[in-house]
Protein backbone atom coordinates (compact mmCIF):
# COMPACT_ATOMS: atom_id res chain seq x y z
CA MET A 1 18.38 -23.46 56.10
CA LYS A 2 19.99 -24.86 52.97
CA LEU A 3 23.49 -23.56 52.24
CA THR A 4 25.51 -24.45 49.13
CA VAL A 5 29.07 -23.23 48.53
CA THR A 6 31.80 -23.96 46.02
CA ASP A 7 34.80 -25.96 47.24
CA ASN A 8 37.11 -22.95 47.57
CA ILE A 9 34.84 -21.24 50.13
CA ASN A 10 35.32 -22.11 53.79
CA LEU A 11 32.02 -23.59 54.99
CA THR A 12 32.36 -22.24 58.54
CA TYR A 13 32.94 -18.74 57.20
CA ALA A 14 29.93 -19.07 54.90
CA ARG A 15 27.73 -20.12 57.80
CA THR A 16 28.95 -17.17 59.85
CA LEU A 17 28.01 -14.85 57.00
CA CYS A 18 24.54 -16.40 56.88
CA LEU A 19 23.98 -15.54 60.54
CA ILE A 20 24.26 -11.84 59.66
CA PHE A 21 20.83 -12.01 58.02
CA PHE A 22 19.54 -15.30 59.46
CA PRO A 23 20.24 -15.20 63.24
CA GLY A 24 19.78 -18.58 64.89
CA ALA A 25 19.90 -20.41 61.56
CA LYS A 26 20.56 -24.16 61.66
CA PHE A 27 22.60 -25.96 59.04
CA SER A 28 21.61 -29.57 59.57
CA GLU A 29 22.42 -31.88 56.67
CA SER A 30 19.40 -34.02 57.54
CA GLU A 31 16.88 -31.17 57.54
CA GLU A 32 13.81 -31.67 55.35
CA TYR A 33 13.50 -28.68 53.07
CA THR A 34 10.19 -27.03 52.15
CA ASN A 35 9.34 -24.25 49.72
CA ASP A 36 9.75 -21.74 52.56
CA THR A 37 13.21 -22.98 53.62
CA PRO A 38 15.79 -20.20 53.14
CA CYS A 39 18.26 -21.27 50.44
CA VAL A 40 21.64 -19.57 50.10
CA ASN A 41 24.18 -20.22 47.36
CA MET A 42 27.70 -18.79 47.38
CA SER A 43 30.36 -19.26 44.71
CA ALA A 44 33.77 -17.85 43.87
CA ASP A 45 35.69 -17.97 40.60
CA GLU A 46 39.44 -17.43 40.91
CA LEU A 47 40.57 -15.40 37.88
CA ASN A 48 44.00 -14.17 36.82
CA ASP A 49 43.39 -10.67 38.16
CA GLY A 50 41.13 -11.39 41.12
CA ILE A 51 38.06 -13.11 42.55
CA SER A 52 34.58 -12.98 41.11
CA ALA A 53 32.12 -13.98 43.85
CA ALA A 54 28.38 -14.51 43.55
CA ALA A 55 25.58 -14.99 46.05
CA GLU A 56 21.92 -15.92 45.82
CA ILE A 57 19.19 -15.94 48.47
CA LYS A 58 15.87 -17.64 47.80
CA ILE A 59 12.86 -18.01 50.08
CA GLY A 60 9.73 -19.27 48.40
CA ASP A 61 9.25 -17.31 45.19
CA LYS A 62 11.46 -14.42 46.23
CA VAL A 63 15.02 -14.43 44.86
CA GLU A 64 17.88 -11.93 44.96
CA LYS A 65 21.36 -12.23 43.44
CA ALA A 66 24.59 -10.25 43.63
CA VAL A 67 28.06 -10.43 42.09
CA TYR A 68 31.23 -8.80 43.42
CA PHE A 69 34.72 -8.63 41.93
CA ARG A 70 37.86 -7.94 43.96
CA LYS A 71 41.41 -7.69 42.67
CA TRP A 72 44.05 -9.92 44.21
CA ASP A 73 46.05 -8.42 47.04
CA LYS A 74 49.00 -9.89 48.93
CA LYS A 75 46.81 -12.17 51.05
CA HIS A 76 44.98 -14.69 48.88
CA LEU A 77 42.59 -15.86 51.59
CA LYS A 78 41.66 -12.30 52.58
CA THR A 79 40.81 -11.46 48.96
CA LEU A 80 38.56 -14.52 48.72
CA LYS A 81 36.81 -13.87 52.03
CA ILE A 82 36.10 -10.21 51.35
CA ALA A 83 34.82 -10.93 47.83
CA VAL A 84 32.46 -13.67 49.03
CA GLY A 85 31.36 -11.60 52.02
CA ALA A 86 30.70 -8.54 49.88
CA ALA A 87 28.61 -10.50 47.36
CA PHE A 88 26.53 -12.08 50.13
CA PHE A 89 26.13 -8.78 52.01
CA GLU A 90 24.91 -6.96 48.89
CA CYS A 91 22.52 -9.80 48.18
CA GLY A 92 21.18 -9.83 51.74
CA ALA A 93 20.81 -6.05 51.81
CA LYS A 94 18.68 -6.18 48.66
CA PHE A 95 16.65 -9.17 49.89
CA PHE A 96 15.86 -7.80 53.37
CA GLY A 97 16.09 -4.07 52.68
CA LYS A 98 18.58 -3.43 55.48
CA MET A 99 22.33 -3.16 55.98
CA PRO A 100 23.47 -4.69 59.30
CA PRO A 101 25.79 -2.21 61.05
CA TRP A 102 28.82 -4.50 61.30
CA GLY A 103 28.86 -5.36 57.62
CA ILE A 104 30.89 -8.50 56.92
CA LEU A 105 33.22 -8.10 59.89
CA THR A 106 32.65 -11.41 61.66
CA GLY A 107 34.41 -13.04 64.59
CA VAL A 108 34.58 -12.51 68.33
CA ARG A 109 37.34 -9.87 68.34
CA PRO A 110 36.62 -6.99 65.95
CA ALA A 111 39.17 -4.74 67.69
CA THR A 112 41.93 -7.20 66.74
CA VAL A 113 41.08 -6.69 63.08
CA ALA A 114 40.98 -2.94 63.59
CA SER A 115 44.35 -2.98 65.37
CA LYS A 116 46.01 -4.78 62.45
CA LEU A 117 44.47 -2.36 59.97
CA ILE A 118 45.68 0.61 62.01
CA ALA A 119 49.19 -0.85 62.28
CA ASP A 120 49.36 -1.42 58.51
CA ASN A 121 47.54 1.66 57.25
CA GLY A 122 47.23 4.30 59.97
CA PHE A 123 44.18 5.29 61.98
CA ASP A 124 42.17 7.25 59.39
CA LYS A 125 42.83 4.80 56.56
CA ALA A 126 41.84 1.88 58.81
CA ARG A 127 38.42 3.46 59.42
CA GLU A 128 38.05 4.02 55.69
CA ILE A 129 38.83 0.35 54.96
CA LEU A 130 36.35 -0.83 57.57
CA ILE A 131 33.62 1.27 55.98
CA GLU A 132 34.41 0.67 52.31
CA GLU A 133 35.66 -2.94 52.29
CA TYR A 134 33.98 -4.48 55.34
CA PHE A 135 30.80 -2.37 55.00
CA LEU A 136 30.68 -1.20 58.63
CA ASN A 137 28.51 1.83 59.18
CA PRO A 138 30.57 4.89 60.22
CA GLN A 139 29.48 4.70 63.88
CA LYS A 140 30.69 1.12 64.29
CA ALA A 141 33.94 1.88 62.45
CA ALA A 142 34.54 4.78 64.83
CA LEU A 143 33.68 2.63 67.85
CA VAL A 144 35.95 -0.30 67.01
CA THR A 145 38.94 1.89 66.13
CA GLU A 146 38.50 3.87 69.35
CA VAL A 147 38.42 0.62 71.33
CA SER A 148 41.55 -0.54 69.52
CA GLU A 149 43.48 2.61 70.39
CA ASN A 150 42.34 2.58 74.03
CA GLN A 151 43.39 -1.05 74.35
CA ARG A 152 46.78 -0.34 72.81
CA ARG A 153 47.47 2.30 75.43
CA VAL A 154 46.69 -0.17 78.25
CA ILE A 155 48.53 -3.12 76.69
CA GLU A 156 51.71 -1.06 76.52
CA THR A 157 51.75 -0.96 80.34
CA ILE A 158 51.73 -4.78 80.73
CA PRO A 159 55.17 -6.33 81.38
CA ASN A 160 56.44 -8.78 78.74
CA ASN A 161 57.15 -11.57 81.24
CA SER A 162 53.73 -11.48 82.86
CA CYS A 163 50.67 -13.72 82.85
CA SER A 164 47.17 -13.76 84.33
CA VAL A 165 45.24 -16.27 86.42
CA TYR A 166 41.56 -17.19 86.23
CA ILE A 167 39.92 -19.05 89.13
CA SER A 168 36.50 -20.57 88.44
CA ILE A 169 33.64 -20.73 90.95
CA PRO A 170 30.99 -22.42 88.77
CA PHE A 171 28.04 -22.06 91.15
CA CYS A 172 25.05 -19.69 91.05
CA PRO A 173 22.04 -19.08 93.32
CA SER A 174 19.82 -19.62 90.26
CA ARG A 175 20.34 -20.09 86.53
CA CYS A 176 19.42 -17.25 84.15
CA VAL A 177 17.30 -18.45 81.23
CA TYR A 178 19.79 -17.10 78.67
CA CYS A 179 22.90 -18.46 80.40
CA SER A 180 25.28 -20.79 78.59
CA PHE A 181 28.11 -20.72 81.11
CA VAL A 182 29.07 -23.72 83.18
CA SER A 183 27.27 -22.90 86.40
CA THR A 184 25.55 -25.09 88.97
CA ALA A 185 22.45 -23.90 90.80
CA SER A 186 20.71 -26.96 92.31
CA LYS A 187 20.82 -27.44 96.08
CA LYS A 188 22.44 -30.87 95.69
CA LEU A 189 25.25 -29.58 93.51
CA LEU A 190 25.75 -26.48 95.67
CA GLY A 191 26.54 -29.02 98.38
CA LEU A 192 29.78 -29.76 96.50
CA ILE A 193 31.21 -26.36 97.44
CA PRO A 194 33.24 -27.45 100.52
CA ASP A 195 35.00 -30.26 98.62
CA TYR A 196 35.38 -28.03 95.57
CA ILE A 197 37.12 -25.28 97.55
CA SER A 198 39.45 -27.84 99.12
CA ALA A 199 40.46 -29.20 95.70
CA LEU A 200 40.73 -25.70 94.27
CA LYS A 201 43.21 -24.69 96.97
CA SER A 202 45.59 -27.49 95.97
CA ASP A 203 45.40 -26.42 92.33
CA ILE A 204 45.99 -22.78 93.28
CA THR A 205 49.13 -23.71 95.23
CA ARG A 206 50.76 -25.70 92.46
CA THR A 207 49.70 -23.29 89.71
CA PHE A 208 51.44 -20.37 91.38
CA GLN A 209 54.47 -22.56 92.05
CA LEU A 210 54.58 -23.33 88.33
CA ILE A 211 54.24 -19.65 87.43
CA ASN A 212 57.18 -18.83 89.70
CA SER A 213 59.29 -21.62 88.20
CA LEU A 214 58.63 -20.21 84.73
CA GLY A 215 59.95 -16.83 85.84
CA LEU A 216 56.63 -15.07 85.24
CA SER A 217 54.95 -12.31 87.19
CA VAL A 218 51.16 -12.16 87.58
CA SER A 219 49.52 -9.01 86.24
CA SER A 220 45.87 -9.81 86.89
CA LEU A 221 43.90 -12.36 88.85
CA TYR A 222 40.22 -12.89 88.11
CA ILE A 223 37.79 -14.94 90.20
CA GLY A 224 34.81 -15.68 87.96
CA GLY A 225 32.01 -18.14 87.55
CA GLY A 226 29.20 -18.68 87.96
CA THR A 227 28.85 -16.26 90.82
CA PRO A 228 31.85 -16.35 93.18
CA THR A 229 29.96 -14.39 95.85
CA VAL A 230 27.57 -17.34 96.16
CA LEU A 231 30.22 -18.65 98.58
CA ASP A 232 29.35 -17.94 102.20
CA GLU A 233 31.62 -15.80 104.37
CA LEU A 234 33.65 -18.75 105.67
CA HIS A 235 34.38 -20.17 102.23
CA THR A 236 35.06 -16.69 100.85
CA LYS A 237 37.67 -16.13 103.54
CA GLU A 238 39.11 -19.64 103.08
CA LEU A 239 39.58 -19.11 99.35
CA LEU A 240 40.91 -15.54 99.45
CA THR A 241 43.24 -16.23 102.35
CA HIS A 242 44.71 -19.19 100.49
CA ILE A 243 45.25 -17.05 97.39
CA ASN A 244 47.08 -14.56 99.60
CA SER A 245 49.37 -17.33 100.81
CA SER A 246 50.21 -18.29 97.21
CA VAL A 247 50.90 -14.87 95.65
CA ASP A 248 51.59 -11.33 96.80
CA VAL A 249 48.19 -9.96 95.81
CA PHE A 250 49.27 -6.39 96.55
CA SER A 251 51.82 -6.62 93.73
CA LEU A 252 49.08 -7.36 91.18
CA LYS A 253 47.96 -4.69 88.77
CA GLU A 254 44.39 -5.97 89.22
CA PHE A 255 42.53 -8.46 91.43
CA THR A 256 38.90 -8.99 90.39
CA LEU A 257 36.02 -10.68 92.21
CA GLU A 258 32.97 -11.25 90.02
CA GLY A 259 30.03 -10.46 92.30
CA GLY A 260 27.41 -10.68 89.60
CA ARG A 261 24.30 -11.31 91.65
CA PRO A 262 23.28 -8.50 94.02
CA ASP A 263 21.45 -11.04 96.22
CA THR A 264 24.77 -12.73 97.10
CA ILE A 265 26.61 -9.61 98.28
CA THR A 266 27.01 -8.87 101.99
CA ASP A 267 29.02 -6.39 104.05
CA GLU A 268 31.09 -9.20 105.57
CA LYS A 269 32.03 -10.80 102.24
CA LEU A 270 33.22 -7.49 100.83
CA LYS A 271 35.09 -6.65 104.02
CA ILE A 272 36.98 -9.94 103.61
CA ALA A 273 37.56 -9.21 99.91
CA LYS A 274 38.98 -5.76 100.65
CA GLU A 275 41.28 -7.10 103.38
CA CYS A 276 42.50 -9.81 101.01
CA GLY A 277 43.48 -7.34 98.29
CA VAL A 278 40.54 -7.39 95.84
CA THR A 279 40.66 -4.22 93.72
CA ARG A 280 37.75 -4.75 91.34
CA LEU A 281 34.21 -5.98 91.90
CA SER A 282 31.24 -6.52 89.59
CA VAL A 283 27.70 -5.89 90.81
CA ASN A 284 25.45 -6.71 87.88
CA PRO A 285 21.76 -5.78 87.68
CA GLN A 286 21.38 -6.65 83.94
CA THR A 287 18.20 -4.53 84.07
CA LEU A 288 16.44 -2.41 86.68
CA ASN A 289 13.01 -3.69 85.61
CA ASP A 290 11.72 -6.14 88.24
CA GLU A 291 9.36 -7.91 85.83
CA ILE A 292 12.16 -8.55 83.36
CA LEU A 293 14.44 -9.76 86.16
CA LYS A 294 11.80 -12.30 87.13
CA ARG A 295 11.32 -13.29 83.48
CA ILE A 296 15.03 -14.07 83.01
CA GLY A 297 15.37 -16.11 86.21
CA ARG A 298 17.27 -13.72 88.47
CA HIS A 299 16.19 -13.84 92.11
CA HIS A 300 16.79 -10.21 92.99
CA THR A 301 15.02 -6.90 92.51
CA ALA A 302 16.25 -3.48 91.43
CA ASP A 303 16.09 -2.35 95.06
CA GLU A 304 18.37 -5.24 96.06
CA PHE A 305 20.82 -4.15 93.38
CA PHE A 306 20.92 -0.61 94.79
CA ARG A 307 21.44 -2.07 98.27
CA ALA A 308 24.29 -4.26 97.04
CA TYR A 309 25.85 -1.38 95.12
CA GLU A 310 25.83 0.80 98.26
CA ILE A 311 27.60 -1.99 100.17
CA ALA A 312 30.18 -2.22 97.38
CA ALA A 313 30.66 1.55 97.18
CA ASN A 314 31.28 1.68 100.94
CA SER A 315 33.56 -1.38 101.02
CA GLY A 316 36.75 0.43 100.06
CA ILE A 317 37.26 -1.80 96.99
CA PRO A 318 38.61 0.76 94.48
CA HIS A 319 36.79 -0.18 91.27
CA ILE A 320 33.21 -1.28 90.66
CA ASN A 321 31.73 -2.56 87.40
CA THR A 322 28.07 -2.94 86.53
CA ASP A 323 26.67 -5.02 83.64
CA LEU A 324 23.53 -4.31 81.64
CA ILE A 325 21.98 -6.35 78.82
CA ALA A 326 20.18 -4.63 75.94
CA GLY A 327 17.40 -6.53 74.22
CA LEU A 328 16.29 -8.87 77.00
CA PRO A 329 13.03 -10.70 76.18
CA ASP A 330 10.00 -8.40 76.63
CA GLU A 331 12.09 -5.36 77.60
CA SER A 332 11.26 -2.13 75.80
CA TYR A 333 13.56 0.70 74.81
CA GLU A 334 12.12 2.94 77.53
CA SER A 335 12.69 0.27 80.17
CA PHE A 336 16.31 -0.24 79.13
CA LYS A 337 16.88 3.52 78.92
CA ASN A 338 15.75 3.81 82.55
CA SER A 339 18.24 1.09 83.51
CA VAL A 340 21.10 2.91 81.77
CA ASP A 341 20.17 6.19 83.45
CA GLY A 342 19.85 4.49 86.83
CA VAL A 343 23.29 2.88 86.61
CA ILE A 344 24.97 6.06 85.34
CA SER A 345 23.51 7.95 88.32
CA LEU A 346 25.62 5.72 90.61
CA SER A 347 28.83 6.67 88.75
CA PRO A 348 30.59 3.27 88.79
CA ASP A 349 34.10 3.12 87.33
CA ASN A 350 33.00 0.70 84.61
CA ILE A 351 29.74 0.03 82.80
CA THR A 352 29.58 -2.97 80.49
CA VAL A 353 26.69 -3.09 78.03
CA HIS A 354 26.00 -6.51 76.53
CA THR A 355 23.51 -7.26 73.77
CA PHE A 356 21.18 -10.18 74.41
CA CYS A 357 22.56 -13.39 72.95
CA VAL A 358 21.21 -16.93 73.08
CA LYS A 359 23.51 -19.95 72.99
CA LYS A 360 22.47 -23.54 72.30
CA ALA A 361 22.70 -24.53 75.98
CA ALA A 362 20.40 -21.73 77.20
CA ASP A 363 17.23 -22.79 79.03
CA ILE A 364 15.14 -20.22 77.16
CA LEU A 365 15.51 -22.20 73.93
CA ARG A 366 14.14 -25.33 75.58
CA GLU A 367 11.32 -23.37 77.20
CA THR A 368 10.20 -21.63 74.03
CA ASP A 369 11.61 -23.87 71.26
CA GLY A 370 13.34 -20.69 70.11
CA GLU A 371 10.05 -19.06 69.12
CA ASN A 372 10.41 -15.29 68.67
CA ILE A 373 13.87 -15.28 70.23
CA TYR A 374 15.59 -14.35 66.98
CA SER A 375 12.64 -12.87 65.11
CA ARG A 376 11.84 -10.03 67.55
CA THR A 377 11.85 -6.50 66.17
CA GLU A 378 15.31 -4.99 66.04
CA THR A 379 14.20 -1.37 66.45
CA ASP A 380 14.14 -1.23 70.25
CA ILE A 381 17.39 -3.19 70.55
CA ILE A 382 19.28 -0.92 68.16
CA LYS A 383 17.89 2.18 69.87
CA SER A 384 18.82 0.72 73.27
CA VAL A 385 22.43 0.08 72.31
CA GLU A 386 22.77 3.46 70.60
CA TYR A 387 21.33 5.22 73.64
CA SER A 388 23.63 3.40 76.05
CA GLN A 389 26.70 4.39 74.04
CA SER A 390 25.75 8.04 73.73
CA ALA A 391 24.66 8.29 77.37
CA VAL A 392 27.83 6.81 78.84
CA ALA A 393 29.99 8.95 76.54
CA GLU A 394 28.19 12.05 77.75
CA ALA A 395 28.76 10.90 81.34
CA GLY A 396 32.54 10.70 80.76
CA TYR A 397 33.07 7.03 79.94
CA PHE A 398 35.01 5.71 76.95
CA PRO A 399 34.96 2.25 75.27
CA TYR A 400 37.99 0.12 76.11
CA TYR A 401 37.11 -3.47 75.17
CA MET A 402 34.54 -5.23 73.09
CA TYR A 403 33.52 -8.57 71.64
CA ARG A 404 30.80 -9.97 69.43
CA GLN A 405 29.00 -13.30 69.45
CA LYS A 406 27.01 -15.40 67.02
CA ASN A 407 23.23 -15.10 67.34
CA THR A 408 23.37 -11.74 69.12
CA ALA A 409 20.17 -9.73 68.84
CA ALA A 410 20.31 -7.35 65.85
CA ASN A 411 23.85 -8.58 65.14
CA LEU A 412 25.22 -6.05 67.65
CA GLU A 413 28.13 -5.94 70.10
CA ASN A 414 29.17 -6.07 73.76
CA VAL A 415 31.22 -3.12 74.96
CA GLY A 416 32.99 -2.26 78.21
CA PHE A 417 33.10 1.44 79.09
CA SER A 418 35.45 2.96 81.62
CA LYS A 419 36.32 6.19 83.33
CA LYS A 420 39.85 7.43 82.72
CA ASP A 421 42.51 5.02 84.04
CA CYS A 422 39.90 2.58 85.38
CA GLU A 423 39.95 0.00 82.58
CA GLY A 424 39.43 -3.66 83.44
CA LEU A 425 42.84 -5.11 82.60
CA TYR A 426 41.80 -8.78 82.51
CA ASN A 427 39.05 -8.02 79.99
CA ILE A 428 41.59 -6.57 77.56
CA ILE A 429 44.05 -9.41 78.14
CA MET A 430 41.40 -12.01 77.33
CA MET A 431 39.98 -10.25 74.28
CA GLU A 432 43.32 -9.43 72.71
CA GLU A 433 45.17 -12.55 73.90
CA VAL A 434 47.98 -10.39 75.25
CA HIS A 435 49.69 -13.10 77.29
CA SER A 436 49.20 -16.52 78.83
CA VAL A 437 46.34 -17.16 81.24
CA PHE A 438 46.38 -20.04 83.75
CA GLY A 439 42.90 -21.43 84.37
CA ILE A 440 42.04 -23.10 87.68
CA GLY A 441 38.80 -24.95 88.44
CA ALA A 442 35.87 -26.50 86.58
CA GLY A 443 35.22 -24.95 83.19
CA ALA A 444 38.49 -23.00 83.22
CA VAL A 445 40.95 -22.94 80.33
CA THR A 446 44.72 -22.54 80.46
CA LYS A 447 45.80 -20.57 77.41
CA PHE A 448 49.47 -20.33 76.44
CA VAL A 449 50.54 -17.41 74.29
CA SER A 450 54.14 -17.69 73.13
CA ILE A 451 56.57 -15.03 74.35
CA GLU A 452 57.75 -14.93 70.72
CA ASN A 453 54.24 -13.94 69.67
CA THR A 454 54.10 -10.79 67.55
CA ASP A 455 50.91 -9.28 66.16
CA ASN A 456 48.90 -12.19 67.60
CA GLU A 457 50.00 -14.52 64.79
CA ALA A 458 51.73 -17.24 66.82
CA PRO A 459 49.63 -20.32 67.60
CA ILE A 460 47.88 -20.36 70.95
CA LYS A 461 47.69 -23.61 72.88
CA ARG A 462 44.78 -24.38 75.19
CA ILE A 463 44.24 -27.02 77.88
CA PHE A 464 40.70 -27.40 79.22
CA GLU A 465 39.69 -28.29 82.76
CA PRO A 466 36.67 -30.62 83.25
CA LYS A 467 33.45 -28.81 82.46
CA TYR A 468 31.41 -29.44 85.62
CA PRO A 469 32.39 -29.33 89.32
CA TYR A 470 31.52 -32.98 89.93
CA GLU A 471 33.76 -33.96 86.99
CA TYR A 472 36.52 -31.76 88.39
CA LEU A 473 36.27 -33.47 91.79
CA ARG A 474 36.16 -36.95 90.23
CA GLU A 475 39.34 -36.27 88.28
CA VAL A 476 41.06 -35.04 91.45
CA SER A 477 40.16 -38.36 93.07
CA ASP A 478 41.21 -40.65 90.22
CA GLY A 479 44.49 -38.89 89.44
CA SER A 480 43.45 -37.47 86.05
CA ALA A 481 43.91 -33.95 87.40
CA ASP A 482 47.57 -34.67 88.18
CA LYS A 483 48.17 -35.92 84.65
CA ARG A 484 46.53 -32.83 83.17
CA PHE A 485 48.60 -30.52 85.37
CA GLU A 486 51.75 -32.29 84.23
CA GLU A 487 50.65 -31.58 80.66
CA ILE A 488 50.21 -27.92 81.58
CA ARG A 489 53.65 -27.83 83.19
CA LYS A 490 55.41 -29.37 80.18
CA LEU A 491 53.61 -27.14 77.69
CA GLY A 492 54.33 -24.08 79.82
CA GLU A 493 58.04 -24.89 79.94
CA LYS A 494 58.09 -25.49 76.19
CA ILE A 495 56.30 -22.28 75.21
CA LEU A 496 57.18 -19.79 77.92
CA LYS A 497 60.76 -20.59 78.99
């Protein structure tokens, strides 16, 4: 699409606004424009008493325009952003005849915005601002403020001198067509697992030594991927036993193992996990429709999920999470409704409902050239998400964390629901950037949050591990990993001591 903005409008923000009405839009400077190319113009005039913003959308012969004025408030940038967003939203609503439910509230962490509004204005006024200034519909305003309050209650229990640890197992038995994570599924690359675990153990040892030297305690430990349960029983025991030798896992508030794929879960693996202190496990069907599972590249059936869930429920691991995805390609509302009902019938402690989202690296874009991925009808997707939220609420679950992504179907959200006192701590820590997280393994990120941080306004420093397991192993061999760890150590001492 063709986007034109005045110099005082942040181009990235303008592009994010465009995605509200044009999901999957590309903003290439070299694109050849035709009469049917969507054209968007945004402008903002800074006046003595406020901002006058204007927006125009043109596709072929159809044109809509809107103007919005907002008085200056204490935050200049906020005034500008809301004025521009409001003008574009009004223009888009007139052009397309719809009002997306999240209005102009963009960004990954909507609950962070809600939390700041609640802190500054109180709970009821915050909801009012979200509806009147950000144009959220009342249901989304209620959802995000409820999430914010539930998170606040959990965050208050986290010690000030604590941190979390993420350990990456970037291997999967197969690659889902929508996946954008760093995960390796070929037989050749799966052969790297023994060397990868060996290198990972060394990193685990020195990372926990560093954490101890910084005077920090570990609140949560999360083993993610990929699919960590792709490891066989011997490697599972090798990894978890080594973690036990590096930290007192029974002092952790939470120890999570991301199971993910039902076809990788066995009695023996979960017995080892329980003995080694794992307190939370994910068993993720995504859908209980076998045809859709095959369509998205998962090599398990609904029956295999129920088998895996029974193993998990009998393992003695205290908390189990299940993930579902609303809006998967070719899945109807009725099919997704059946999946929600089927998962609720098992009564897991947590149910996370994602909305289908396609990233640039996803295989499905290469397979289909993006055809119909973003242009599918929104009706079933919206109904699916609404049903999931009402059904889990009726079953006694409440929303405790959420995030949103670009190019999500129907511009919707991902929400984690929990039974009382069963919230996934690591999920909240990551979404709200509560404290520092040490990342270990390929694709992991170490994120330092200053102990002086108040209201999430202090800068956050990140150090990235190599993206792929073969790169990770190469850097262990050539000494680059040692140099990067020294950078982590120095930055940790500077920020956290």
